[in-house]
Amino acid sequence: MLRMHRALALSLLGLLACGERPTLPTPEPPPEPVLLISQKGAKSVAWYSLGGELLEEVPVSDHPHEIVLSPDGRRLYVTDNGVMQIENAGEGGNKVSIIDVLNRAKGGQIDLGKWHRPHGVDLCADGSLLVTTENPDQLLVIDLDKLQIRHEYATGGETPHIVKCSRDSRFAFVSNARSGTVAKVALDSGERELVETGARPEGSTLSKDGSKLYVAHRDADKVVIIDTIAWRMVADPNRKVPGALWARVERRDPRLRPVRGFGGGGSPTLLRGRRRTDSGGRPGRVAGDARTTRRR
């Protein structure tokens, strides 16, 4: 019996040795990085390749301004401001569009009720969505599970523009464009501190550790650096800069470098080699370093 088992085992080994190896499926290559751009004039959100090719557009409400991508890359939140520029008169819109990034389609919207002309938007680490409105001036804290406004806070200034959430989700940092101030608003109570920074603060971004806020000033042509803990300016360099800031620029590709970026109505532009590409000449905002999955 033992001899029979050994013979059977040797026969099986021989068959395995002579047989073909199983063919393993070829792994799908990783998705190519894309740019997600809000196009004010076209009233849409668009997907562009890094080479400037328009890949797809999704219509939203009138004149989208700012956008923010969810951490998992599945949803894009778009403030449908309703007017082209901050200087334009008009009641404006009162919706935030929700874009299904994977399917490249509009997946829903958030109704802001009496709060019109939504502009700034950011996501907190705890899942809350922050939105600023210009008519009337307000900071809204939105519950994304219920798609409803949880808190409504004054920002202590006129025309709240860009908003950033602190790394610990406790505070909102809001640039009050027409007041020349930046507000630090406690998200649990609405208490706020103001710091005067100069003419027309607009775009802003946080340092990686969240200890500093960099604020671009459209009319003062400078970037101010604010200590987010002490809430005071720590630097005020007189540099001529655009009115918008992007948190990250992809520098790993030597063929790409930023040429210019306009706040309040310019076209995000990239230079690839010697050929300039832009978002079709239509004003918009870029969600940098965004990645999307191929549709099946």
Protein backbone atom coordinates (compact mmCIF):
# COMPACT_ATOMS: atom_id res chain seq x y z
CA MET A 1 0.00 0.00 0.00
CA LEU A 2 2.79 2.41 0.89
CA ARG A 3 4.53 1.64 -2.41
CA MET A 4 1.30 2.39 -4.28
CA HIS A 5 0.94 5.79 -2.56
CA ARG A 6 4.53 6.70 -3.46
CA ALA A 7 3.97 5.76 -7.10
CA LEU A 8 0.79 7.86 -7.22
CA ALA A 9 2.57 10.85 -5.69
CA LEU A 10 5.42 10.59 -8.22
CA SER A 11 2.92 10.38 -11.07
CA LEU A 12 1.19 13.55 -9.85
CA LEU A 13 4.51 15.39 -9.57
CA GLY A 14 5.37 14.35 -13.10
CA LEU A 15 2.09 15.66 -14.42
CA LEU A 16 2.58 19.00 -12.64
CA ALA A 17 6.12 19.27 -13.97
CA CYS A 18 5.01 18.68 -17.55
CA GLY A 19 1.89 20.78 -17.35
CA GLU A 20 1.68 24.46 -18.28
CA ARG A 21 1.77 27.11 -15.60
CA PRO A 22 -1.61 28.79 -15.01
CA THR A 23 -1.94 32.15 -16.79
CA LEU A 24 -2.31 35.02 -14.33
CA PRO A 25 -4.50 38.00 -15.26
CA THR A 26 -2.60 41.09 -16.32
CA PRO A 27 -3.08 43.80 -13.67
CA GLU A 28 -4.90 46.90 -14.84
CA PRO A 29 -2.56 49.90 -15.05
CA PRO A 30 -3.17 52.68 -12.51
CA PRO A 31 -5.47 55.50 -13.66
CA GLU A 32 -3.87 58.52 -15.25
CA PRO A 33 -3.97 61.71 -13.16
CA VAL A 34 -6.47 64.31 -14.35
CA LEU A 35 -7.42 67.89 -13.53
CA LEU A 36 -10.94 68.60 -12.31
CA ILE A 37 -11.89 72.18 -13.21
CA SER A 38 -14.94 74.31 -12.44
CA GLN A 39 -15.76 76.34 -15.54
CA LYS A 40 -17.69 79.47 -14.60
CA GLY A 41 -18.53 80.60 -18.10
CA ALA A 42 -19.45 77.13 -19.34
CA LYS A 43 -21.49 76.41 -16.19
CA SER A 44 -19.90 73.00 -15.85
CA VAL A 45 -17.26 70.87 -14.20
CA ALA A 46 -14.71 69.38 -16.60
CA TRP A 47 -12.09 66.63 -16.68
CA TYR A 48 -8.82 67.59 -18.39
CA SER A 49 -5.71 65.58 -19.05
CA LEU A 50 -2.41 67.06 -17.91
CA GLY A 51 -1.77 67.79 -21.57
CA GLY A 52 -4.81 70.06 -21.72
CA GLU A 53 -7.22 67.72 -23.53
CA LEU A 54 -10.88 68.08 -22.54
CA LEU A 55 -12.05 64.61 -21.52
CA GLU A 56 -15.58 65.22 -20.30
CA GLU A 57 -17.95 67.90 -18.94
CA VAL A 58 -20.82 67.73 -16.46
CA PRO A 59 -23.33 70.63 -16.38
CA VAL A 60 -24.10 72.23 -13.01
CA SER A 61 -26.10 75.30 -11.98
CA ASP A 62 -25.12 78.81 -13.01
CA HIS A 63 -21.49 79.87 -12.65
CA PRO A 64 -19.76 77.35 -10.36
CA HIS A 65 -16.92 78.90 -8.37
CA GLU A 66 -15.01 76.69 -5.91
CA ILE A 67 -14.68 72.91 -5.67
CA VAL A 68 -13.39 70.38 -3.16
CA LEU A 69 -12.74 66.67 -3.64
CA SER A 70 -13.68 64.09 -1.01
CA PRO A 71 -10.72 62.18 0.53
CA ASP A 72 -11.73 58.96 -1.26
CA GLY A 73 -11.95 60.77 -4.60
CA ARG A 74 -15.55 59.68 -5.21
CA ARG A 75 -17.38 62.99 -4.78
CA LEU A 76 -16.73 66.57 -5.82
CA TYR A 77 -18.58 69.41 -4.09
CA VAL A 78 -19.19 72.51 -6.23
CA THR A 79 -20.46 75.91 -5.07
CA ASP A 80 -22.96 77.10 -7.69
CA ASN A 81 -22.55 80.81 -7.01
CA GLY A 82 -24.97 82.04 -9.68
CA VAL A 83 -23.00 85.11 -10.79
CA MET A 84 -19.81 85.31 -12.80
CA GLN A 85 -17.68 87.47 -10.51
CA ILE A 86 -17.74 88.82 -7.00
CA GLU A 87 -18.33 92.37 -8.33
CA ASN A 88 -21.48 91.39 -10.26
CA ALA A 89 -24.89 92.24 -8.82
CA GLY A 90 -27.59 89.63 -8.45
CA GLU A 91 -29.25 87.35 -5.92
CA GLY A 92 -27.21 84.36 -7.09
CA GLY A 93 -27.78 80.68 -6.65
CA ASN A 94 -28.31 78.68 -3.46
CA LYS A 95 -27.10 75.19 -4.33
CA VAL A 96 -24.01 73.04 -3.86
CA SER A 97 -23.72 70.42 -6.60
CA ILE A 98 -22.45 66.94 -5.76
CA ILE A 99 -20.56 65.29 -8.61
CA ASP A 100 -20.15 61.51 -8.87
CA VAL A 101 -16.49 61.43 -9.94
CA LEU A 102 -16.32 57.74 -10.84
CA ASN A 103 -19.32 57.94 -13.18
CA ARG A 104 -18.63 61.52 -14.25
CA ALA A 105 -22.19 62.64 -13.59
CA LYS A 106 -24.11 64.90 -11.23
CA GLY A 107 -25.11 62.83 -8.23
CA GLY A 108 -27.17 65.30 -6.22
CA GLN A 109 -27.23 68.75 -4.67
CA ILE A 110 -27.52 70.54 -1.33
CA ASP A 111 -30.19 73.24 -1.00
CA LEU A 112 -28.93 76.21 1.04
CA GLY A 113 -32.35 77.85 1.39
CA LYS A 114 -32.11 81.58 2.14
CA TRP A 115 -28.32 81.60 1.80
CA HIS A 116 -27.34 82.67 -1.71
CA ARG A 117 -24.14 83.05 -3.72
CA PRO A 118 -22.16 80.19 -2.15
CA HIS A 119 -18.45 80.65 -2.78
CA GLY A 120 -15.80 79.02 -0.60
CA VAL A 121 -16.00 75.31 0.21
CA ASP A 122 -13.87 72.88 2.21
CA LEU A 123 -14.15 69.47 3.85
CA CYS A 124 -13.21 68.91 7.49
CA ALA A 125 -11.53 65.73 8.69
CA ASP A 126 -14.68 64.89 10.71
CA GLY A 127 -16.76 64.85 7.51
CA SER A 128 -18.40 68.25 7.82
CA LEU A 129 -18.66 70.48 4.75
CA LEU A 130 -17.93 74.19 5.13
CA VAL A 131 -19.48 76.71 2.72
CA THR A 132 -19.32 80.50 2.67
CA THR A 133 -22.12 82.62 1.17
CA GLU A 134 -22.10 86.24 -0.01
CA ASN A 135 -25.85 87.00 0.05
CA PRO A 136 -26.17 87.35 2.94
CA ASP A 137 -22.65 86.94 4.35
CA GLN A 138 -22.39 83.69 6.31
CA LEU A 139 -20.41 80.56 7.11
CA LEU A 140 -22.43 77.35 6.88
CA VAL A 141 -21.54 74.00 8.48
CA ILE A 142 -23.26 71.19 6.57
CA ASP A 143 -24.03 67.64 7.70
CA LEU A 144 -23.26 65.47 4.67
CA ASP A 145 -25.19 62.48 6.02
CA LYS A 146 -28.41 64.50 6.07
CA LEU A 147 -27.39 67.04 3.40
CA GLN A 148 -28.63 69.76 5.73
CA ILE A 149 -27.19 72.87 7.36
CA ARG A 150 -26.09 72.16 10.93
CA HIS A 151 -24.80 75.60 11.93
CA GLU A 152 -24.95 79.15 10.55
CA TYR A 153 -22.23 81.55 11.70
CA ALA A 154 -21.38 85.17 10.99
CA THR A 155 -17.78 85.76 9.91
CA GLY A 156 -17.40 89.29 11.24
CA GLY A 157 -16.74 90.74 7.81
CA GLU A 158 -18.12 91.45 4.37
CA THR A 159 -18.09 89.01 1.45
CA PRO A 160 -16.63 85.84 2.97
CA HIS A 161 -14.61 84.28 0.17
CA ILE A 162 -12.39 81.21 0.66
CA VAL A 163 -12.71 78.95 3.72
CA LYS A 164 -10.29 76.37 5.10
CA CYS A 165 -10.97 73.89 7.90
CA SER A 166 -8.36 73.38 10.62
CA ARG A 167 -6.67 69.99 10.72
CA ASP A 168 -8.52 69.09 13.94
CA SER A 169 -11.93 70.17 12.54
CA ARG A 170 -12.40 72.71 15.34
CA PHE A 171 -12.04 75.96 13.41
CA ALA A 172 -12.82 77.55 10.06
CA PHE A 173 -10.48 80.17 8.57
CA VAL A 174 -12.42 82.59 6.36
CA SER A 175 -11.07 85.43 4.22
CA ASN A 176 -13.49 88.39 4.30
CA ALA A 177 -12.67 89.85 0.89
CA ARG A 178 -14.25 93.31 1.16
CA SER A 179 -13.31 93.86 4.81
CA GLY A 180 -9.58 93.16 4.58
CA THR A 181 -9.77 90.66 7.43
CA VAL A 182 -9.42 86.93 8.00
CA ALA A 183 -11.65 85.25 10.59
CA LYS A 184 -11.01 82.26 12.81
CA VAL A 185 -14.43 80.79 13.66
CA ALA A 186 -14.97 78.10 16.31
CA LEU A 187 -17.18 75.46 14.67
CA ASP A 188 -18.86 74.36 17.90
CA SER A 189 -19.91 77.83 19.06
CA GLY A 190 -19.45 80.43 16.32
CA GLU A 191 -17.03 82.48 18.44
CA ARG A 192 -14.52 84.26 16.23
CA GLU A 193 -11.29 86.19 16.14
CA LEU A 194 -10.33 88.64 13.40
CA VAL A 195 -6.97 89.75 12.08
CA GLU A 196 -6.52 92.63 9.62
CA THR A 197 -4.36 91.51 6.72
CA GLY A 198 -4.72 94.00 3.84
CA ALA A 199 -6.79 94.73 0.76
CA ARG A 200 -8.92 91.93 -0.69
CA PRO A 201 -7.86 88.67 1.00
CA GLU A 202 -9.10 85.76 -1.10
CA GLY A 203 -7.32 82.46 -1.79
CA SER A 204 -5.76 80.57 1.10
CA THR A 205 -4.09 77.30 1.97
CA LEU A 206 -2.83 75.64 5.15
CA SER A 207 0.67 74.39 5.84
CA LYS A 208 1.01 70.61 6.08
CA ASP A 209 0.89 70.66 9.89
CA GLY A 210 -1.90 73.25 9.93
CA SER A 211 0.07 75.75 12.01
CA LYS A 212 0.20 78.42 9.30
CA LEU A 213 -2.38 79.86 6.92
CA TYR A 214 -1.15 81.45 3.70
CA VAL A 215 -3.57 84.08 2.36
CA ALA A 216 -3.30 85.68 -1.10
CA HIS A 217 -4.49 89.28 -1.45
CA ARG A 218 -5.89 90.22 -4.82
CA ASP A 219 -5.64 94.00 -4.51
CA ALA A 220 -2.67 94.21 -2.15
CA ASP A 221 -0.63 91.85 -4.37
CA LYS A 222 0.87 89.89 -1.50
CA VAL A 223 0.73 86.67 0.51
CA VAL A 224 0.24 86.99 4.26
CA ILE A 225 1.23 84.19 6.66
CA ILE A 226 -0.93 83.76 9.77
CA ASP A 227 -0.11 81.73 12.87
CA THR A 228 -3.31 79.68 13.28
CA ILE A 229 -2.78 79.11 17.02
CA ALA A 230 -1.87 82.64 18.16
CA TRP A 231 -4.01 84.09 15.33
CA ARG A 232 -1.62 86.82 14.30
CA MET A 233 0.39 87.61 11.20
CA VAL A 234 3.92 86.24 11.28
CA ALA A 235 4.95 87.41 7.80
CA ASP A 236 3.70 89.95 5.29
CA PRO A 237 6.00 89.72 2.26
CA ASN A 238 5.35 92.27 -0.47
CA ARG A 239 5.21 89.84 -3.36
CA LYS A 240 3.03 90.24 -6.41
CA VAL A 241 0.84 87.16 -6.59
CA PRO A 242 -2.51 86.14 -8.09
CA GLY A 243 -5.67 86.14 -6.02
CA ALA A 244 -5.86 82.36 -5.72
CA LEU A 245 -3.59 79.78 -4.15
CA TRP A 246 -3.34 76.06 -4.91
CA ALA A 247 -2.13 73.82 -2.13
CA ARG A 248 0.01 71.57 -4.33
CA VAL A 249 1.67 71.87 -7.71
CA GLU A 250 2.79 68.70 -9.42
CA ARG A 251 6.53 69.26 -9.87
CA ARG A 252 7.56 65.66 -10.45
CA ASP A 253 6.82 65.99 -14.15
CA PRO A 254 9.55 68.30 -15.52
CA ARG A 255 7.43 69.01 -18.60
CA LEU A 256 4.84 70.84 -16.53
CA ARG A 257 5.20 74.09 -14.67
CA PRO A 258 2.66 76.69 -13.55
CA VAL A 259 2.48 79.76 -15.78
CA ARG A 260 -0.23 81.80 -14.15
CA GLY A 261 -3.39 81.50 -12.08
CA PHE A 262 -6.10 84.12 -11.82
CA GLY A 263 -8.44 84.66 -8.90
CA GLY A 264 -11.93 85.89 -9.60
CA GLY A 265 -12.27 84.87 -13.21
CA GLY A 266 -9.10 83.73 -14.94
CA SER A 267 -8.22 80.53 -16.75
CA PRO A 268 -5.94 78.03 -15.00
CA THR A 269 -3.04 77.58 -17.41
CA LEU A 270 -0.29 74.99 -17.70
CA LEU A 271 2.72 75.04 -19.94
CA ARG A 272 3.81 71.74 -21.45
CA GLY A 273 7.05 72.16 -23.33
CA ARG A 274 6.51 75.22 -25.51
CA ARG A 275 2.81 74.72 -26.06
CA ARG A 276 0.37 76.54 -23.81
CA THR A 277 -2.84 74.82 -22.84
CA ASP A 278 -5.77 76.20 -20.90
CA SER A 279 -9.33 75.38 -19.94
CA GLY A 280 -10.83 76.49 -23.22
CA GLY A 281 -10.52 80.15 -22.35
CA ARG A 282 -13.28 79.76 -19.80
CA PRO A 283 -12.73 80.96 -16.25
CA GLY A 284 -12.56 78.29 -13.59
CA ARG A 285 -10.90 76.74 -10.60
CA VAL A 286 -8.63 73.71 -10.42
CA ALA A 287 -8.71 70.79 -8.02
CA GLY A 288 -5.02 69.95 -8.22
CA ASP A 289 -3.49 66.48 -8.08
CA ALA A 290 -6.91 64.88 -8.49
CA ARG A 291 -7.14 61.29 -9.69
CA THR A 292 -10.10 59.42 -11.05
CA THR A 293 -10.85 55.80 -11.89
CA ARG A 294 -11.55 54.64 -15.42
CA ARG A 295 -15.17 53.97 -16.11
CA ARG A 296 -15.90 50.37 -16.98
